[in-house]
């Protein structure tokens, strides 16, 4: 599931400056509620794969 979220993240980041959980919902293959996507994004952020841009300001990929 995390791989699909990261792949959707890469596709969305090409056209958007910031990515929000509701944007990812439409890109993944199976339906997930927005809260589940939020939890997965926070988990990826804690592991250092995403950069969080503050409260409700979206995420970007960590390209280090």
C-alpha atoms as a PDB file:
ATOM      1  CA  UNK A   1       0.000   0.000   0.000  1.00  0.00           C
ATOM      2  CA  UNK A   2       2.815   2.411   0.835  1.00  0.00           C
ATOM      3  CA  UNK A   3       4.431   1.808  -2.531  1.00  0.00           C
ATOM      4  CA  UNK A   4       1.206   2.770  -4.301  1.00  0.00           C
ATOM      5  CA  UNK A   5       0.927   5.899  -2.163  1.00  0.00           C
ATOM      6  CA  UNK A   6       4.500   6.901  -3.016  1.00  0.00           C
ATOM      7  CA  UNK A   7       3.927   6.240  -6.723  1.00  0.00           C
ATOM      8  CA  UNK A   8       0.764   8.362  -6.644  1.00  0.00           C
ATOM      9  CA  UNK A   9       2.754  10.996  -4.776  1.00  0.00           C
ATOM     10  CA  UNK A  10       5.373  11.112  -7.548  1.00  0.00           C
ATOM     11  CA  UNK A  11       2.716  11.520 -10.230  1.00  0.00           C
ATOM     12  CA  UNK A  12       0.866  14.245  -8.350  1.00  0.00           C
ATOM     13  CA  UNK A  13       3.995  16.153  -7.466  1.00  0.00           C
ATOM     14  CA  UNK A  14       4.754  16.690 -11.154  1.00  0.00           C
ATOM     15  CA  UNK A  15       1.773  19.011 -11.502  1.00  0.00           C
ATOM     16  CA  UNK A  16       1.128  20.177  -7.928  1.00  0.00           C
ATOM     17  CA  UNK A  17       3.410  22.050  -5.549  1.00  0.00           C
ATOM     18  CA  UNK A  18       1.929  20.323  -2.497  1.00  0.00           C
ATOM     19  CA  UNK A  19       0.107  17.025  -2.175  1.00  0.00           C
ATOM     20  CA  UNK A  20      -2.823  16.456   0.186  1.00  0.00           C
ATOM     21  CA  UNK A  21      -4.402  13.149   1.307  1.00  0.00           C
ATOM     22  CA  UNK A  22      -7.621  13.737  -0.644  1.00  0.00           C
ATOM     23  CA  UNK A  23      -5.562  13.997  -3.842  1.00  0.00           C
ATOM     24  CA  UNK A  24      -4.001  10.593  -3.236  1.00  0.00           C
ATOM     25  CA  UNK A  25      -7.388   8.960  -2.660  1.00  0.00           C
ATOM     26  CA  UNK A  26      -8.276   9.257  -6.341  1.00  0.00           C
ATOM     27  CA  UNK A  27      -4.920   7.899  -7.531  1.00  0.00           C
ATOM     28  CA  UNK A  28      -4.707   4.570  -5.684  1.00  0.00           C
ATOM     29  CA  UNK A  29      -6.346   1.372  -6.945  1.00  0.00           C
ATOM     30  CA  UNK A  30      -8.586   0.572  -3.987  1.00  0.00           C
ATOM     31  CA  UNK A  31     -10.788   2.850  -1.893  1.00  0.00           C
ATOM     32  CA  UNK A  32      -9.413   4.094   1.408  1.00  0.00           C
ATOM     33  CA  UNK A  33     -10.884   6.684   3.721  1.00  0.00           C
ATOM     34  CA  UNK A  34      -9.021   9.968   3.992  1.00  0.00           C
ATOM     35  CA  UNK A  35      -8.043   9.311   7.615  1.00  0.00           C
ATOM     36  CA  UNK A  36      -6.246   6.086   6.636  1.00  0.00           C
ATOM     37  CA  UNK A  37      -4.332   7.935   3.933  1.00  0.00           C
ATOM     38  CA  UNK A  38      -3.449  10.630   6.487  1.00  0.00           C
ATOM     39  CA  UNK A  39      -2.103   8.000   8.891  1.00  0.00           C
ATOM     40  CA  UNK A  40       0.023   6.446   6.150  1.00  0.00           C
ATOM     41  CA  UNK A  41       1.410   9.853   5.171  1.00  0.00           C
ATOM     42  CA  UNK A  42       2.295  10.637   8.796  1.00  0.00           C
ATOM     43  CA  UNK A  43       4.020   7.253   9.051  1.00  0.00           C
ATOM     44  CA  UNK A  44       6.025   7.969   5.885  1.00  0.00           C
ATOM     45  CA  UNK A  45       6.880  11.429   7.249  1.00  0.00           C
ATOM     46  CA  UNK A  46       8.138   9.958  10.539  1.00  0.00           C
ATOM     47  CA  UNK A  47      10.350   7.528   8.601  1.00  0.00           C
ATOM     48  CA  UNK A  48      11.854  10.393   6.602  1.00  0.00           C
ATOM     49  CA  UNK A  49      10.378   9.652   3.183  1.00  0.00           C
ATOM     50  CA  UNK A  50       8.191  12.783   3.097  1.00  0.00           C
ATOM     51  CA  UNK A  51       8.560  16.364   4.235  1.00  0.00           C
ATOM     52  CA  UNK A  52       5.604  17.857   6.055  1.00  0.00           C
ATOM     53  CA  UNK A  53       4.960  21.511   5.279  1.00  0.00           C
ATOM     54  CA  UNK A  54       3.207  22.370   8.533  1.00  0.00           C
ATOM     55  CA  UNK A  55      -0.308  21.860   9.790  1.00  0.00           C
ATOM     56  CA  UNK A  56      -2.675  21.365   6.824  1.00  0.00           C
ATOM     57  CA  UNK A  57      -0.148  22.612   4.291  1.00  0.00           C
ATOM     58  CA  UNK A  58       0.508  19.305   2.571  1.00  0.00           C
ATOM     59  CA  UNK A  59       3.551  17.122   1.941  1.00  0.00           C
ATOM     60  CA  UNK A  60       6.395  16.914  -0.542  1.00  0.00           C
ATOM     61  CA  UNK A  61       8.844  14.078  -1.268  1.00  0.00           C
ATOM     62  CA  UNK A  62      12.178  14.039   0.557  1.00  0.00           C
ATOM     63  CA  UNK A  63      14.778  14.030  -2.212  1.00  0.00           C
ATOM     64  CA  UNK A  64      17.976  13.535  -0.246  1.00  0.00           C
END
